[in-house]
Amino acid sequence: MNPKLEKMILDARDALIHVGIASNAGGDVDSKVKGYIASLGPSLVNNGLLAAILIYEKEDTEKKKISQALHHLLTKELVIKCLSDYLLANPVNRNYGNLRKVSDYTIALKLALNLFHLKKSAQPDEQPAR
């Protein structure tokens, strides 16, 4: 495996733990997070960096945590912030280089999920058939 990608996966694992998506190494992660991360890539391509991140942060707490993990990976800051804060603070941050980094880190996050146990998300009770 590419040593650069290997390091990115380990950093992504640490970011997942840092923002609270996973409790510890080898712990449980809600399986819907894998789908959220998988759908971020196409959203980046279709909507662009800032729009895709703003959509994710607006939606749901798990999606917001993905944005926070990406912020942690890009800036290496220990403070938990959303990625949109970083992108809006300076328009220079919204360039192709950061789009590429976010795409690469999204892949690393998805691969890092393999280091955790995926648990099924709680489904609402189904209505009995009549």
C-alpha atoms as a PDB file:
ATOM      1  CA  MET A   1       0.000   0.000   0.000  1.00  0.00           C
ATOM      2  CA  ASN A   2       1.102   3.549  -0.662  1.00  0.00           C
ATOM      3  CA  PRO A   3       2.822   4.858   2.527  1.00  0.00           C
ATOM      4  CA  LYS A   4       1.150   8.262   2.114  1.00  0.00           C
ATOM      5  CA  LEU A   5      -2.309   6.660   1.968  1.00  0.00           C
ATOM      6  CA  GLU A   6      -1.429   4.432   4.911  1.00  0.00           C
ATOM      7  CA  LYS A   7      -0.595   7.505   7.028  1.00  0.00           C
ATOM      8  CA  MET A   8      -3.790   9.242   5.876  1.00  0.00           C
ATOM      9  CA  ILE A   9      -5.856   6.227   6.975  1.00  0.00           C
ATOM     10  CA  LEU A  10      -4.256   6.237  10.427  1.00  0.00           C
ATOM     11  CA  ASP A  11      -4.815  10.001  10.708  1.00  0.00           C
ATOM     12  CA  ALA A  12      -8.434   9.478   9.614  1.00  0.00           C
ATOM     13  CA  ARG A  13      -8.885   6.811  12.300  1.00  0.00           C
ATOM     14  CA  ASP A  14      -7.635   9.263  14.908  1.00  0.00           C
ATOM     15  CA  ALA A  15      -9.945  11.979  13.544  1.00  0.00           C
ATOM     16  CA  LEU A  16     -12.971   9.660  13.781  1.00  0.00           C
ATOM     17  CA  ILE A  17     -12.142   9.063  17.427  1.00  0.00           C
ATOM     18  CA  HIS A  18     -11.354  12.749  18.082  1.00  0.00           C
ATOM     19  CA  VAL A  19     -14.744  14.039  16.879  1.00  0.00           C
ATOM     20  CA  GLY A  20     -16.720  11.257  18.547  1.00  0.00           C
ATOM     21  CA  ILE A  21     -17.852   9.181  15.581  1.00  0.00           C
ATOM     22  CA  ALA A  22     -16.034   6.231  17.147  1.00  0.00           C
ATOM     23  CA  SER A  23     -15.401   5.760  20.835  1.00  0.00           C
ATOM     24  CA  ASN A  24     -11.994   4.083  20.542  1.00  0.00           C
ATOM     25  CA  ALA A  25      -9.860   2.007  18.207  1.00  0.00           C
ATOM     26  CA  GLY A  26     -11.807  -1.105  17.258  1.00  0.00           C
ATOM     27  CA  GLY A  27     -15.013   0.305  18.761  1.00  0.00           C
ATOM     28  CA  ASP A  28     -18.476   0.519  17.270  1.00  0.00           C
ATOM     29  CA  VAL A  29     -19.477   2.960  14.531  1.00  0.00           C
ATOM     30  CA  ASP A  30     -23.010   3.414  13.248  1.00  0.00           C
ATOM     31  CA  SER A  31     -23.223   1.843   9.774  1.00  0.00           C
ATOM     32  CA  LYS A  32     -25.030   4.859   8.312  1.00  0.00           C
ATOM     33  CA  VAL A  33     -21.794   6.869   8.722  1.00  0.00           C
ATOM     34  CA  LYS A  34     -20.202   4.731   5.999  1.00  0.00           C
ATOM     35  CA  GLY A  35     -22.987   5.755   3.613  1.00  0.00           C
ATOM     36  CA  TYR A  36     -22.627   9.408   4.556  1.00  0.00           C
ATOM     37  CA  ILE A  37     -18.903   9.335   3.845  1.00  0.00           C
ATOM     38  CA  ALA A  38     -19.427   7.426   0.596  1.00  0.00           C
ATOM     39  CA  SER A  39     -21.934   9.992  -0.652  1.00  0.00           C
ATOM     40  CA  LEU A  40     -19.673  12.940   0.151  1.00  0.00           C
ATOM     41  CA  GLY A  41     -17.395  12.238  -2.833  1.00  0.00           C
ATOM     42  CA  PRO A  42     -20.109  12.588  -5.491  1.00  0.00           C
ATOM     43  CA  SER A  43     -21.494  15.603  -3.645  1.00  0.00           C
ATOM     44  CA  LEU A  44     -18.071  17.281  -3.866  1.00  0.00           C
ATOM     45  CA  VAL A  45     -17.948  16.632  -7.608  1.00  0.00           C
ATOM     46  CA  ASN A  46     -21.497  17.796  -8.299  1.00  0.00           C
ATOM     47  CA  ASN A  47     -21.754  20.774  -5.944  1.00  0.00           C
ATOM     48  CA  GLY A  48     -18.205  21.923  -5.305  1.00  0.00           C
ATOM     49  CA  LEU A  49     -16.271  22.052  -2.051  1.00  0.00           C
ATOM     50  CA  LEU A  50     -18.055  24.743  -0.069  1.00  0.00           C
ATOM     51  CA  ALA A  51     -21.594  23.848  -1.162  1.00  0.00           C
ATOM     52  CA  ALA A  52     -21.119  20.147  -0.399  1.00  0.00           C
ATOM     53  CA  ILE A  53     -19.708  20.883   3.049  1.00  0.00           C
ATOM     54  CA  LEU A  54     -22.484  23.368   3.874  1.00  0.00           C
ATOM     55  CA  ILE A  55     -25.113  20.792   2.894  1.00  0.00           C
ATOM     56  CA  TYR A  56     -23.481  18.204   5.135  1.00  0.00           C
ATOM     57  CA  GLU A  57     -23.244  20.513   8.112  1.00  0.00           C
ATOM     58  CA  LYS A  58     -26.890  21.542   7.809  1.00  0.00           C
ATOM     59  CA  GLU A  59     -28.281  18.031   7.707  1.00  0.00           C
ATOM     60  CA  ASP A  60     -27.535  15.855  10.685  1.00  0.00           C
ATOM     61  CA  THR A  61     -25.207  15.579  13.655  1.00  0.00           C
ATOM     62  CA  GLU A  62     -23.346  12.573  12.181  1.00  0.00           C
ATOM     63  CA  LYS A  63     -22.775  14.435   8.925  1.00  0.00           C
ATOM     64  CA  LYS A  64     -21.584  17.448  10.882  1.00  0.00           C
ATOM     65  CA  LYS A  65     -19.095  15.199  12.676  1.00  0.00           C
ATOM     66  CA  ILE A  66     -17.732  14.096   9.288  1.00  0.00           C
ATOM     67  CA  SER A  67     -17.150  17.767   8.455  1.00  0.00           C
ATOM     68  CA  GLN A  68     -15.414  18.210  11.804  1.00  0.00           C
ATOM     69  CA  ALA A  69     -13.194  15.190  11.123  1.00  0.00           C
ATOM     70  CA  LEU A  70     -12.218  16.663   7.740  1.00  0.00           C
ATOM     71  CA  HIS A  71     -11.429  20.001   9.408  1.00  0.00           C
ATOM     72  CA  HIS A  72      -9.231  18.192  11.923  1.00  0.00           C
ATOM     73  CA  LEU A  73      -7.415  16.340   9.132  1.00  0.00           C
ATOM     74  CA  LEU A  74      -6.820  19.489   7.060  1.00  0.00           C
ATOM     75  CA  THR A  75      -5.735  21.852   9.811  1.00  0.00           C
ATOM     76  CA  LYS A  76      -4.429  19.455  12.501  1.00  0.00           C
ATOM     77  CA  GLU A  77      -6.178  21.666  15.089  1.00  0.00           C
ATOM     78  CA  LEU A  78      -7.378  19.955  18.250  1.00  0.00           C
ATOM     79  CA  VAL A  79     -10.374  22.275  18.590  1.00  0.00           C
ATOM     80  CA  ILE A  80     -13.487  20.705  17.083  1.00  0.00           C
ATOM     81  CA  LYS A  81     -14.785  23.045  14.395  1.00  0.00           C
ATOM     82  CA  CYS A  82     -16.750  22.611  11.215  1.00  0.00           C
ATOM     83  CA  LEU A  83     -14.926  22.643   7.903  1.00  0.00           C
ATOM     84  CA  SER A  84     -17.124  25.461   6.587  1.00  0.00           C
ATOM     85  CA  ASP A  85     -15.660  27.823   9.214  1.00  0.00           C
ATOM     86  CA  TYR A  86     -12.208  27.144   7.779  1.00  0.00           C
ATOM     87  CA  LEU A  87     -13.393  27.548   4.176  1.00  0.00           C
ATOM     88  CA  LEU A  88     -15.372  30.733   4.834  1.00  0.00           C
ATOM     89  CA  ALA A  89     -12.616  32.379   6.892  1.00  0.00           C
ATOM     90  CA  ASN A  90     -10.423  32.841   3.857  1.00  0.00           C
ATOM     91  CA  PRO A  91     -11.506  32.410   0.229  1.00  0.00           C
ATOM     92  CA  VAL A  92      -8.009  31.160  -0.601  1.00  0.00           C
ATOM     93  CA  ASN A  93      -8.937  27.961   1.261  1.00  0.00           C
ATOM     94  CA  ARG A  94     -11.570  27.185  -1.389  1.00  0.00           C
ATOM     95  CA  ASN A  95      -9.123  26.156  -4.090  1.00  0.00           C
ATOM     96  CA  TYR A  96      -8.551  23.025  -6.138  1.00  0.00           C
ATOM     97  CA  GLY A  97      -5.745  21.899  -3.824  1.00  0.00           C
ATOM     98  CA  ASN A  98      -8.066  21.762  -0.819  1.00  0.00           C
ATOM     99  CA  LEU A  99     -10.787  20.104  -2.900  1.00  0.00           C
ATOM    100  CA  ARG A 100      -8.283  17.395  -3.769  1.00  0.00           C
ATOM    101  CA  LYS A 101      -7.187  17.058  -0.123  1.00  0.00           C
ATOM    102  CA  VAL A 102     -10.792  16.801   1.073  1.00  0.00           C
ATOM    103  CA  SER A 103     -11.459  14.142  -1.583  1.00  0.00           C
ATOM    104  CA  ASP A 104      -8.376  12.174  -0.512  1.00  0.00           C
ATOM    105  CA  TYR A 105      -9.262  12.461   3.177  1.00  0.00           C
ATOM    106  CA  THR A 106     -12.833  11.366   2.404  1.00  0.00           C
ATOM    107  CA  ILE A 107     -11.405   8.188   0.880  1.00  0.00           C
ATOM    108  CA  ALA A 108      -9.140   7.763   3.916  1.00  0.00           C
ATOM    109  CA  LEU A 109     -12.130   8.185   6.273  1.00  0.00           C
ATOM    110  CA  LYS A 110     -14.057   5.515   4.400  1.00  0.00           C
ATOM    111  CA  LEU A 111     -11.092   3.126   4.517  1.00  0.00           C
ATOM    112  CA  ALA A 112     -10.496   3.927   8.197  1.00  0.00           C
ATOM    113  CA  LEU A 113     -14.028   2.755   8.990  1.00  0.00           C
ATOM    114  CA  ASN A 114     -12.799  -0.776   8.263  1.00  0.00           C
ATOM    115  CA  LEU A 115     -10.778  -0.538  11.479  1.00  0.00           C
ATOM    116  CA  PHE A 116     -14.008  -0.296  13.484  1.00  0.00           C
ATOM    117  CA  HIS A 117     -16.995  -2.556  14.014  1.00  0.00           C
ATOM    118  CA  LEU A 118     -19.995  -1.283  12.039  1.00  0.00           C
ATOM    119  CA  LYS A 119     -23.272  -1.631  13.914  1.00  0.00           C
ATOM    120  CA  LYS A 120     -26.669  -1.378  12.326  1.00  0.00           C
ATOM    121  CA  SER A 121     -28.471   1.860  12.996  1.00  0.00           C
ATOM    122  CA  ALA A 122     -31.668   1.696  14.995  1.00  0.00           C
ATOM    123  CA  GLN A 123     -34.660   1.412  12.690  1.00  0.00           C
ATOM    124  CA  PRO A 124     -38.085   2.678  13.693  1.00  0.00           C
ATOM    125  CA  ASP A 125     -40.528  -0.093  14.523  1.00  0.00           C
ATOM    126  CA  GLU A 126     -42.287  -1.357  11.451  1.00  0.00           C
ATOM    127  CA  GLN A 127     -46.072  -1.363  11.318  1.00  0.00           C
ATOM    128  CA  PRO A 128     -47.596  -4.837  11.136  1.00  0.00           C
ATOM    129  CA  ALA A 129     -49.100  -5.834   7.802  1.00  0.00           C
ATOM    130  CA  ARG A 130     -52.893  -5.665   7.628  1.00  0.00           C
END
